[in-house]
Amino acid sequence: ESLGADAYVYGHVDATDGSSKDIIVRT
């Protein structure tokens, strides 16, 4: 999501147990 000066990155990290965990990062 691009908001001009900032952007929010929505992603996921795959854990060792096979689950997927959502992550939001401001950049």
mmCIF file of all heavy atoms, coordinates in Angstrom:
data_MODEL
# 
_entry.id   MODEL 
# 
loop_
_atom_site.group_PDB 
_atom_site.id 
_atom_site.type_symbol 
_atom_site.label_atom_id 
_atom_site.label_alt_id 
_atom_site.label_comp_id 
_atom_site.label_asym_id 
_atom_site.label_entity_id 
_atom_site.label_seq_id 
_atom_site.pdbx_PDB_ins_code 
_atom_site.Cartn_x 
_atom_site.Cartn_y 
_atom_site.Cartn_z 
_atom_site.occupancy 
_atom_site.B_iso_or_equiv 
_atom_site.pdbx_formal_charge 
_atom_site.auth_seq_id 
_atom_site.auth_comp_id 
_atom_site.auth_asym_id 
_atom_site.auth_atom_id 
_atom_site.pdbx_PDB_model_num 
ATOM 1   N N   . GLU A 1 1  ? 0.865  -1.183  0.000  1.00 0.00 ? 1  GLU A N   1 
ATOM 2   C CA  . GLU A 1 1  ? 0.000  0.000   0.000  1.00 0.00 ? 1  GLU A CA  1 
ATOM 3   C C   . GLU A 1 1  ? 0.896  1.226   0.000  1.00 0.00 ? 1  GLU A C   1 
ATOM 4   O O   . GLU A 1 1  ? 1.594  1.493   0.976  1.00 0.00 ? 1  GLU A O   1 
ATOM 5   C CB  . GLU A 1 1  ? -0.898 0.033   1.241  1.00 0.00 ? 1  GLU A CB  1 
ATOM 6   C CG  . GLU A 1 1  ? -2.068 -0.913  1.196  1.00 0.00 ? 1  GLU A CG  1 
ATOM 7   C CD  . GLU A 1 1  ? -2.989 -0.741  2.398  1.00 0.00 ? 1  GLU A CD  1 
ATOM 8   O OE1 . GLU A 1 1  ? -2.644 0.026   3.317  1.00 0.00 ? 1  GLU A OE1 1 
ATOM 9   O OE2 . GLU A 1 1  ? -4.054 -1.365  2.416  1.00 0.00 ? 1  GLU A OE2 1 
ATOM 10  N N   . SER A 1 2  ? 0.866  1.989   -1.088 1.00 0.00 ? 2  SER A N   1 
ATOM 11  C CA  . SER A 1 2  ? 1.694  3.190   -1.187 1.00 0.00 ? 2  SER A CA  1 
ATOM 12  C C   . SER A 1 2  ? 0.864  4.401   -0.777 1.00 0.00 ? 2  SER A C   1 
ATOM 13  O O   . SER A 1 2  ? -0.198 4.657   -1.335 1.00 0.00 ? 2  SER A O   1 
ATOM 14  C CB  . SER A 1 2  ? 2.208  3.361   -2.618 1.00 0.00 ? 2  SER A CB  1 
ATOM 15  O OG  . SER A 1 2  ? 3.042  4.491   -2.693 1.00 0.00 ? 2  SER A OG  1 
ATOM 16  N N   . LEU A 1 3  ? 1.363  5.149   0.219  1.00 0.00 ? 3  LEU A N   1 
ATOM 17  C CA  . LEU A 1 3  ? 0.651  6.320   0.727  1.00 0.00 ? 3  LEU A CA  1 
ATOM 18  C C   . LEU A 1 3  ? 1.429  7.607   0.472  1.00 0.00 ? 3  LEU A C   1 
ATOM 19  O O   . LEU A 1 3  ? 1.196  8.609   1.140  1.00 0.00 ? 3  LEU A O   1 
ATOM 20  C CB  . LEU A 1 3  ? 0.391  6.160   2.230  1.00 0.00 ? 3  LEU A CB  1 
ATOM 21  C CG  . LEU A 1 3  ? -0.381 4.912   2.647  1.00 0.00 ? 3  LEU A CG  1 
ATOM 22  C CD1 . LEU A 1 3  ? -0.466 4.821   4.164  1.00 0.00 ? 3  LEU A CD1 1 
ATOM 23  C CD2 . LEU A 1 3  ? -1.774 4.908   2.042  1.00 0.00 ? 3  LEU A CD2 1 
ATOM 24  N N   . GLY A 1 4  ? 2.320  7.577   -0.486 1.00 0.00 ? 4  GLY A N   1 
ATOM 25  C CA  . GLY A 1 4  ? 3.129  8.766   -0.763 1.00 0.00 ? 4  GLY A CA  1 
ATOM 26  C C   . GLY A 1 4  ? 4.471  8.649   -0.084 1.00 0.00 ? 4  GLY A C   1 
ATOM 27  O O   . GLY A 1 4  ? 5.357  7.924   -0.531 1.00 0.00 ? 4  GLY A O   1 
ATOM 28  N N   . ALA A 1 5  ? 4.633  9.373   1.015  1.00 0.00 ? 5  ALA A N   1 
ATOM 29  C CA  . ALA A 1 5  ? 5.915  9.341   1.726  1.00 0.00 ? 5  ALA A CA  1 
ATOM 30  C C   . ALA A 1 5  ? 6.170  7.977   2.360  1.00 0.00 ? 5  ALA A C   1 
ATOM 31  O O   . ALA A 1 5  ? 7.309  7.528   2.471  1.00 0.00 ? 5  ALA A O   1 
ATOM 32  C CB  . ALA A 1 5  ? 5.951  10.428  2.800  1.00 0.00 ? 5  ALA A CB  1 
ATOM 33  N N   . ASP A 1 6  ? 5.091  7.301   2.790  1.00 0.00 ? 6  ASP A N   1 
ATOM 34  C CA  . ASP A 1 6  ? 5.222  5.985   3.422  1.00 0.00 ? 6  ASP A CA  1 
ATOM 35  C C   . ASP A 1 6  ? 4.557  4.920   2.555  1.00 0.00 ? 6  ASP A C   1 
ATOM 36  O O   . ASP A 1 6  ? 3.707  5.214   1.718  1.00 0.00 ? 6  ASP A O   1 
ATOM 37  C CB  . ASP A 1 6  ? 4.550  5.975   4.803  1.00 0.00 ? 6  ASP A CB  1 
ATOM 38  C CG  . ASP A 1 6  ? 5.279  6.857   5.807  1.00 0.00 ? 6  ASP A CG  1 
ATOM 39  O OD1 . ASP A 1 6  ? 6.517  6.911   5.746  1.00 0.00 ? 6  ASP A OD1 1 
ATOM 40  O OD2 . ASP A 1 6  ? 4.599  7.490   6.635  1.00 0.00 ? 6  ASP A OD2 1 
ATOM 41  N N   . ALA A 1 7  ? 4.959  3.685   2.811  1.00 0.00 ? 7  ALA A N   1 
ATOM 42  C CA  . ALA A 1 7  ? 4.284  2.532   2.209  1.00 0.00 ? 7  ALA A CA  1 
ATOM 43  C C   . ALA A 1 7  ? 4.172  1.454   3.275  1.00 0.00 ? 7  ALA A C   1 
ATOM 44  O O   . ALA A 1 7  ? 5.034  1.344   4.157  1.00 0.00 ? 7  ALA A O   1 
ATOM 45  C CB  . ALA A 1 7  ? 5.046  2.005   1.001  1.00 0.00 ? 7  ALA A CB  1 
ATOM 46  N N   . TYR A 1 8  ? 3.091  0.694   3.201  1.00 0.00 ? 8  TYR A N   1 
ATOM 47  C CA  . TYR A 1 8  ? 2.922  -0.446  4.102  1.00 0.00 ? 8  TYR A CA  1 
ATOM 48  C C   . TYR A 1 8  ? 3.073  -1.726  3.291  1.00 0.00 ? 8  TYR A C   1 
ATOM 49  O O   . TYR A 1 8  ? 2.375  -1.926  2.296  1.00 0.00 ? 8  TYR A O   1 
ATOM 50  C CB  . TYR A 1 8  ? 1.568  -0.412  4.809  1.00 0.00 ? 8  TYR A CB  1 
ATOM 51  C CG  . TYR A 1 8  ? 1.510  0.640   5.888  1.00 0.00 ? 8  TYR A CG  1 
ATOM 52  C CD1 . TYR A 1 8  ? 0.884  1.855   5.672  1.00 0.00 ? 8  TYR A CD1 1 
ATOM 53  C CD2 . TYR A 1 8  ? 2.116  0.410   7.125  1.00 0.00 ? 8  TYR A CD2 1 
ATOM 54  C CE1 . TYR A 1 8  ? 0.846  2.829   6.660  1.00 0.00 ? 8  TYR A CE1 1 
ATOM 55  C CE2 . TYR A 1 8  ? 2.088  1.385   8.123  1.00 0.00 ? 8  TYR A CE2 1 
ATOM 56  C CZ  . TYR A 1 8  ? 1.450  2.585   7.883  1.00 0.00 ? 8  TYR A CZ  1 
ATOM 57  O OH  . TYR A 1 8  ? 1.423  3.545   8.864  1.00 0.00 ? 8  TYR A OH  1 
ATOM 58  N N   . VAL A 1 9  ? 4.002  -2.558  3.716  1.00 0.00 ? 9  VAL A N   1 
ATOM 59  C CA  . VAL A 1 9  ? 4.269  -3.832  3.065  1.00 0.00 ? 9  VAL A CA  1 
ATOM 60  C C   . VAL A 1 9  ? 3.543  -4.922  3.854  1.00 0.00 ? 9  VAL A C   1 
ATOM 61  O O   . VAL A 1 9  ? 3.813  -5.128  5.047  1.00 0.00 ? 9  VAL A O   1 
ATOM 62  C CB  . VAL A 1 9  ? 5.780  -4.130  3.023  1.00 0.00 ? 9  VAL A CB  1 
ATOM 63  C CG1 . VAL A 1 9  ? 6.041  -5.504  2.421  1.00 0.00 ? 9  VAL A CG1 1 
ATOM 64  C CG2 . VAL A 1 9  ? 6.512  -3.041  2.245  1.00 0.00 ? 9  VAL A CG2 1 
ATOM 65  N N   . TYR A 1 10 ? 2.596  -5.593  3.200  1.00 0.00 ? 10 TYR A N   1 
ATOM 66  C CA  . TYR A 1 10 ? 1.873  -6.704  3.809  1.00 0.00 ? 10 TYR A CA  1 
ATOM 67  C C   . TYR A 1 10 ? 2.472  -7.997  3.250  1.00 0.00 ? 10 TYR A C   1 
ATOM 68  O O   . TYR A 1 10 ? 2.466  -8.213  2.035  1.00 0.00 ? 10 TYR A O   1 
ATOM 69  C CB  . TYR A 1 10 ? 0.385  -6.643  3.472  1.00 0.00 ? 10 TYR A CB  1 
ATOM 70  C CG  . TYR A 1 10 ? -0.349 -5.478  4.096  1.00 0.00 ? 10 TYR A CG  1 
ATOM 71  C CD1 . TYR A 1 10 ? -0.227 -4.188  3.580  1.00 0.00 ? 10 TYR A CD1 1 
ATOM 72  C CD2 . TYR A 1 10 ? -1.171 -5.664  5.207  1.00 0.00 ? 10 TYR A CD2 1 
ATOM 73  C CE1 . TYR A 1 10 ? -0.888 -3.111  4.146  1.00 0.00 ? 10 TYR A CE1 1 
ATOM 74  C CE2 . TYR A 1 10 ? -1.845 -4.596  5.777  1.00 0.00 ? 10 TYR A CE2 1 
ATOM 75  C CZ  . TYR A 1 10 ? -1.702 -3.315  5.250  1.00 0.00 ? 10 TYR A CZ  1 
ATOM 76  O OH  . TYR A 1 10 ? -2.358 -2.254  5.815  1.00 0.00 ? 10 TYR A OH  1 
ATOM 77  N N   . GLY A 1 11 ? 2.992  -8.825  4.120  1.00 0.00 ? 11 GLY A N   1 
ATOM 78  C CA  . GLY A 1 11 ? 3.608  -10.066 3.673  1.00 0.00 ? 11 GLY A CA  1 
ATOM 79  C C   . GLY A 1 11 ? 3.404  -11.177 4.673  1.00 0.00 ? 11 GLY A C   1 
ATOM 80  O O   . GLY A 1 11 ? 2.609  -11.054 5.613  1.00 0.00 ? 11 GLY A O   1 
ATOM 81  N N   . HIS A 1 12 ? 4.113  -12.277 4.476  1.00 0.00 ? 12 HIS A N   1 
ATOM 82  C CA  . HIS A 1 12 ? 4.018  -13.387 5.416  1.00 0.00 ? 12 HIS A CA  1 
ATOM 83  C C   . HIS A 1 12 ? 5.379  -14.051 5.546  1.00 0.00 ? 12 HIS A C   1 
ATOM 84  O O   . HIS A 1 12 ? 6.190  -14.041 4.630  1.00 0.00 ? 12 HIS A O   1 
ATOM 85  C CB  . HIS A 1 12 ? 2.962  -14.416 4.968  1.00 0.00 ? 12 HIS A CB  1 
ATOM 86  C CG  . HIS A 1 12 ? 3.303  -15.108 3.679  1.00 0.00 ? 12 HIS A CG  1 
ATOM 87  N ND1 . HIS A 1 12 ? 2.967  -14.593 2.446  1.00 0.00 ? 12 HIS A ND1 1 
ATOM 88  C CD2 . HIS A 1 12 ? 3.960  -16.286 3.432  1.00 0.00 ? 12 HIS A CD2 1 
ATOM 89  C CE1 . HIS A 1 12 ? 3.378  -15.407 1.495  1.00 0.00 ? 12 HIS A CE1 1 
ATOM 90  N NE2 . HIS A 1 12 ? 3.995  -16.435 2.060  1.00 0.00 ? 12 HIS A NE2 1 
ATOM 91  N N   . VAL A 1 13 ? 5.595  -14.596 6.735  1.00 0.00 ? 13 VAL A N   1 
ATOM 92  C CA  . VAL A 1 13 ? 6.812  -15.346 7.008  1.00 0.00 ? 13 VAL A CA  1 
ATOM 93  C C   . VAL A 1 13 ? 6.406  -16.791 7.269  1.00 0.00 ? 13 VAL A C   1 
ATOM 94  O O   . VAL A 1 13 ? 5.431  -17.056 7.984  1.00 0.00 ? 13 VAL A O   1 
ATOM 95  C CB  . VAL A 1 13 ? 7.601  -14.744 8.201  1.00 0.00 ? 13 VAL A CB  1 
ATOM 96  C CG1 . VAL A 1 13 ? 6.761  -14.682 9.460  1.00 0.00 ? 13 VAL A CG1 1 
ATOM 97  C CG2 . VAL A 1 13 ? 8.884  -15.520 8.448  1.00 0.00 ? 13 VAL A CG2 1 
ATOM 98  N N   . ASP A 1 14 ? 7.097  -17.728 6.658  1.00 0.00 ? 14 ASP A N   1 
ATOM 99  C CA  . ASP A 1 14 ? 6.795  -19.155 6.818  1.00 0.00 ? 14 ASP A CA  1 
ATOM 100 C C   . ASP A 1 14 ? 7.599  -19.709 7.977  1.00 0.00 ? 14 ASP A C   1 
ATOM 101 O O   . ASP A 1 14 ? 8.834  -19.619 7.991  1.00 0.00 ? 14 ASP A O   1 
ATOM 102 C CB  . ASP A 1 14 ? 7.122  -19.920 5.538  1.00 0.00 ? 14 ASP A CB  1 
ATOM 103 C CG  . ASP A 1 14 ? 6.218  -19.510 4.383  1.00 0.00 ? 14 ASP A CG  1 
ATOM 104 O OD1 . ASP A 1 14 ? 4.987  -19.445 4.612  1.00 0.00 ? 14 ASP A OD1 1 
ATOM 105 O OD2 . ASP A 1 14 ? 6.726  -19.247 3.288  1.00 0.00 ? 14 ASP A OD2 1 
ATOM 106 N N   . ALA A 1 15 ? 6.906  -20.292 8.944  1.00 0.00 ? 15 ALA A N   1 
ATOM 107 C CA  . ALA A 1 15 ? 7.565  -20.836 10.129 1.00 0.00 ? 15 ALA A CA  1 
ATOM 108 C C   . ALA A 1 15 ? 7.984  -22.283 9.896  1.00 0.00 ? 15 ALA A C   1 
ATOM 109 O O   . ALA A 1 15 ? 7.556  -22.943 8.947  1.00 0.00 ? 15 ALA A O   1 
ATOM 110 C CB  . ALA A 1 15 ? 6.621  -20.737 11.331 1.00 0.00 ? 15 ALA A CB  1 
ATOM 111 N N   . THR A 1 16 ? 8.818  -22.787 10.822 1.00 0.00 ? 16 THR A N   1 
ATOM 112 C CA  . THR A 1 16 ? 9.323  -24.159 10.692 1.00 0.00 ? 16 THR A CA  1 
ATOM 113 C C   . THR A 1 16 ? 8.217  -25.199 10.847 1.00 0.00 ? 16 THR A C   1 
ATOM 114 O O   . THR A 1 16 ? 8.332  -26.309 10.346 1.00 0.00 ? 16 THR A O   1 
ATOM 115 C CB  . THR A 1 16 ? 10.408 -24.420 11.754 1.00 0.00 ? 16 THR A CB  1 
ATOM 116 O OG1 . THR A 1 16 ? 9.896  -24.022 13.039 1.00 0.00 ? 16 THR A OG1 1 
ATOM 117 C CG2 . THR A 1 16 ? 11.665 -23.627 11.465 1.00 0.00 ? 16 THR A CG2 1 
ATOM 118 N N   . ASP A 1 17 ? 7.126  -24.826 11.558 1.00 0.00 ? 17 ASP A N   1 
ATOM 119 C CA  . ASP A 1 17 ? 6.043  -25.797 11.745 1.00 0.00 ? 17 ASP A CA  1 
ATOM 120 C C   . ASP A 1 17 ? 5.081  -25.825 10.564 1.00 0.00 ? 17 ASP A C   1 
ATOM 121 O O   . ASP A 1 17 ? 4.051  -26.498 10.593 1.00 0.00 ? 17 ASP A O   1 
ATOM 122 C CB  . ASP A 1 17 ? 5.274  -25.491 13.034 1.00 0.00 ? 17 ASP A CB  1 
ATOM 123 C CG  . ASP A 1 17 ? 4.602  -24.114 13.007 1.00 0.00 ? 17 ASP A CG  1 
ATOM 124 O OD1 . ASP A 1 17 ? 4.695  -23.428 11.968 1.00 0.00 ? 17 ASP A OD1 1 
ATOM 125 O OD2 . ASP A 1 17 ? 3.991  -23.743 14.021 1.00 0.00 ? 17 ASP A OD2 1 
ATOM 126 N N   . GLY A 1 18 ? 5.405  -25.090 9.504  1.00 0.00 ? 18 GLY A N   1 
ATOM 127 C CA  . GLY A 1 18 ? 4.570  -25.074 8.311  1.00 0.00 ? 18 GLY A CA  1 
ATOM 128 C C   . GLY A 1 18 ? 3.507  -23.997 8.304  1.00 0.00 ? 18 GLY A C   1 
ATOM 129 O O   . GLY A 1 18 ? 2.824  -23.800 7.297  1.00 0.00 ? 18 GLY A O   1 
ATOM 130 N N   . SER A 1 19 ? 3.349  -23.275 9.404  1.00 0.00 ? 19 SER A N   1 
ATOM 131 C CA  . SER A 1 19 ? 2.351  -22.209 9.468  1.00 0.00 ? 19 SER A CA  1 
ATOM 132 C C   . SER A 1 19 ? 2.881  -20.951 8.785  1.00 0.00 ? 19 SER A C   1 
ATOM 133 O O   . SER A 1 19 ? 4.085  -20.796 8.567  1.00 0.00 ? 19 SER A O   1 
ATOM 134 C CB  . SER A 1 19 ? 1.980  -21.901 10.920 1.00 0.00 ? 19 SER A CB  1 
ATOM 135 O OG  . SER A 1 19 ? 3.110  -21.381 11.612 1.00 0.00 ? 19 SER A OG  1 
ATOM 136 N N   . SER A 1 20 ? 1.953  -20.054 8.452  1.00 0.00 ? 20 SER A N   1 
ATOM 137 C CA  . SER A 1 20 ? 2.317  -18.791 7.816  1.00 0.00 ? 20 SER A CA  1 
ATOM 138 C C   . SER A 1 20 ? 1.858  -17.649 8.712  1.00 0.00 ? 20 SER A C   1 
ATOM 139 O O   . SER A 1 20 ? 0.703  -17.622 9.143  1.00 0.00 ? 20 SER A O   1 
ATOM 140 C CB  . SER A 1 20 ? 1.648  -18.685 6.441  1.00 0.00 ? 20 SER A CB  1 
ATOM 141 O OG  . SER A 1 20 ? 1.949  -17.465 5.834  1.00 0.00 ? 20 SER A OG  1 
ATOM 142 N N   . LYS A 1 21 ? 2.745  -16.733 9.023  1.00 0.00 ? 21 LYS A N   1 
ATOM 143 C CA  . LYS A 1 21 ? 2.426  -15.635 9.929  1.00 0.00 ? 21 LYS A CA  1 
ATOM 144 C C   . LYS A 1 21 ? 2.465  -14.315 9.156  1.00 0.00 ? 21 LYS A C   1 
ATOM 145 O O   . LYS A 1 21 ? 3.449  -14.013 8.491  1.00 0.00 ? 21 LYS A O   1 
ATOM 146 C CB  . LYS A 1 21 ? 3.427  -15.605 11.095 1.00 0.00 ? 21 LYS A CB  1 
ATOM 147 C CG  . LYS A 1 21 ? 3.464  -16.919 11.886 1.00 0.00 ? 21 LYS A CG  1 
ATOM 148 C CD  . LYS A 1 21 ? 4.481  -16.873 13.010 1.00 0.00 ? 21 LYS A CD  1 
ATOM 149 C CE  . LYS A 1 21 ? 4.631  -18.230 13.680 1.00 0.00 ? 21 LYS A CE  1 
ATOM 150 N NZ  . LYS A 1 21 ? 3.402  -18.711 14.323 1.00 0.00 ? 21 LYS A NZ  1 
ATOM 151 N N   . ASP A 1 22 ? 1.358  -13.566 9.234  1.00 0.00 ? 22 ASP A N   1 
ATOM 152 C CA  . ASP A 1 22 ? 1.260  -12.296 8.512  1.00 0.00 ? 22 ASP A CA  1 
ATOM 153 C C   . ASP A 1 22 ? 2.107  -11.219 9.176  1.00 0.00 ? 22 ASP A C   1 
ATOM 154 O O   . ASP A 1 22 ? 2.201  -11.146 10.409 1.00 0.00 ? 22 ASP A O   1 
ATOM 155 C CB  . ASP A 1 22 ? -0.200 -11.836 8.451  1.00 0.00 ? 22 ASP A CB  1 
ATOM 156 C CG  . ASP A 1 22 ? -1.059 -12.752 7.591  1.00 0.00 ? 22 ASP A CG  1 
ATOM 157 O OD1 . ASP A 1 22 ? -0.499 -13.375 6.677  1.00 0.00 ? 22 ASP A OD1 1 
ATOM 158 O OD2 . ASP A 1 22 ? -2.268 -12.844 7.851  1.00 0.00 ? 22 ASP A OD2 1 
ATOM 159 N N   . ILE A 1 23 ? 2.692  -10.366 8.342  1.00 0.00 ? 23 ILE A N   1 
ATOM 160 C CA  . ILE A 1 23 ? 3.578  -9.299  8.814  1.00 0.00 ? 23 ILE A CA  1 
ATOM 161 C C   . ILE A 1 23 ? 3.232  -8.010  8.056  1.00 0.00 ? 23 ILE A C   1 
ATOM 162 O O   . ILE A 1 23 ? 3.000  -8.033  6.849  1.00 0.00 ? 23 ILE A O   1 
ATOM 163 C CB  . ILE A 1 23 ? 5.061  -9.636  8.544  1.00 0.00 ? 23 ILE A CB  1 
ATOM 164 C CG1 . ILE A 1 23 ? 5.509  -10.854 9.356  1.00 0.00 ? 23 ILE A CG1 1 
ATOM 165 C CG2 . ILE A 1 23 ? 5.960  -8.447  8.849  1.00 0.00 ? 23 ILE A CG2 1 
ATOM 166 C CD1 . ILE A 1 23 ? 5.790  -10.573 10.804 1.00 0.00 ? 23 ILE A CD1 1 
ATOM 167 N N   . ILE A 1 24 ? 3.194  -6.885  8.797  1.00 0.00 ? 24 ILE A N   1 
ATOM 168 C CA  . ILE A 1 24 ? 3.024  -5.560  8.180  1.00 0.00 ? 24 ILE A CA  1 
ATOM 169 C C   . ILE A 1 24 ? 4.237  -4.718  8.566  1.00 0.00 ? 24 ILE A C   1 
ATOM 170 O O   . ILE A 1 24 ? 4.590  -4.628  9.744  1.00 0.00 ? 24 ILE A O   1 
ATOM 171 C CB  . ILE A 1 24 ? 1.744  -4.853  8.660  1.00 0.00 ? 24 ILE A CB  1 
ATOM 172 C CG1 . ILE A 1 24 ? 0.517  -5.745  8.468  1.00 0.00 ? 24 ILE A CG1 1 
ATOM 173 C CG2 . ILE A 1 24 ? 1.553  -3.529  7.924  1.00 0.00 ? 24 ILE A CG2 1 
ATOM 174 C CD1 . ILE A 1 24 ? -0.739 -5.193  9.128  1.00 0.00 ? 24 ILE A CD1 1 
ATOM 175 N N   . VAL A 1 25 ? 4.866  -4.094  7.565  1.00 0.00 ? 25 VAL A N   1 
ATOM 176 C CA  . VAL A 1 25 ? 6.050  -3.266  7.794  1.00 0.00 ? 25 VAL A CA  1 
ATOM 177 C C   . VAL A 1 25 ? 5.832  -1.899  7.155  1.00 0.00 ? 25 VAL A C   1 
ATOM 178 O O   . VAL A 1 25 ? 5.387  -1.817  6.008  1.00 0.00 ? 25 VAL A O   1 
ATOM 179 C CB  . VAL A 1 25 ? 7.321  -3.907  7.179  1.00 0.00 ? 25 VAL A CB  1 
ATOM 180 C CG1 . VAL A 1 25 ? 8.558  -3.093  7.546  1.00 0.00 ? 25 VAL A CG1 1 
ATOM 181 C CG2 . VAL A 1 25 ? 7.468  -5.348  7.612  1.00 0.00 ? 25 VAL A CG2 1 
ATOM 182 N N   . ARG A 1 26 ? 6.127  -0.845  7.889  1.00 0.00 ? 26 ARG A N   1 
ATOM 183 C CA  . ARG A 1 26 ? 6.112  0.497   7.292  1.00 0.00 ? 26 ARG A CA  1 
ATOM 184 C C   . ARG A 1 26 ? 7.490  0.798   6.731  1.00 0.00 ? 26 ARG A C   1 
ATOM 185 O O   . ARG A 1 26 ? 8.504  0.586   7.413  1.00 0.00 ? 26 ARG A O   1 
ATOM 186 C CB  . ARG A 1 26 ? 5.725  1.557   8.324  1.00 0.00 ? 26 ARG A CB  1 
ATOM 187 C CG  . ARG A 1 26 ? 5.440  2.931   7.685  1.00 0.00 ? 26 ARG A CG  1 
ATOM 188 C CD  . ARG A 1 26 ? 5.010  3.950   8.700  1.00 0.00 ? 26 ARG A CD  1 
ATOM 189 N NE  . ARG A 1 26 ? 6.136  4.440   9.494  1.00 0.00 ? 26 ARG A NE  1 
ATOM 190 C CZ  . ARG A 1 26 ? 6.018  5.313   10.494 1.00 0.00 ? 26 ARG A CZ  1 
ATOM 191 N NH1 . ARG A 1 26 ? 4.828  5.750   10.847 1.00 0.00 ? 26 ARG A NH1 1 
ATOM 192 N NH2 . ARG A 1 26 ? 7.085  5.713   11.166 1.00 0.00 ? 26 ARG A NH2 1 
ATOM 193 N N   . THR A 1 27 ? 7.527  1.305   5.503  1.00 0.00 ? 27 THR A N   1 
ATOM 194 C CA  . THR A 1 27 ? 8.814  1.580   4.866  1.00 0.00 ? 27 THR A CA  1 
ATOM 195 C C   . THR A 1 27 ? 8.720  2.838   4.019  1.00 0.00 ? 27 THR A C   1 
ATOM 196 O O   . THR A 1 27 ? 7.662  3.480   3.941  1.00 0.00 ? 27 THR A O   1 
ATOM 197 C CB  . THR A 1 27 ? 9.257  0.367   4.020  1.00 0.00 ? 27 THR A CB  1 
ATOM 198 O OG1 . THR A 1 27 ? 10.588 0.573   3.561  1.00 0.00 ? 27 THR A OG1 1 
ATOM 199 C CG2 . THR A 1 27 ? 8.324  0.163   2.829  1.00 0.00 ? 27 THR A CG2 1 
# 
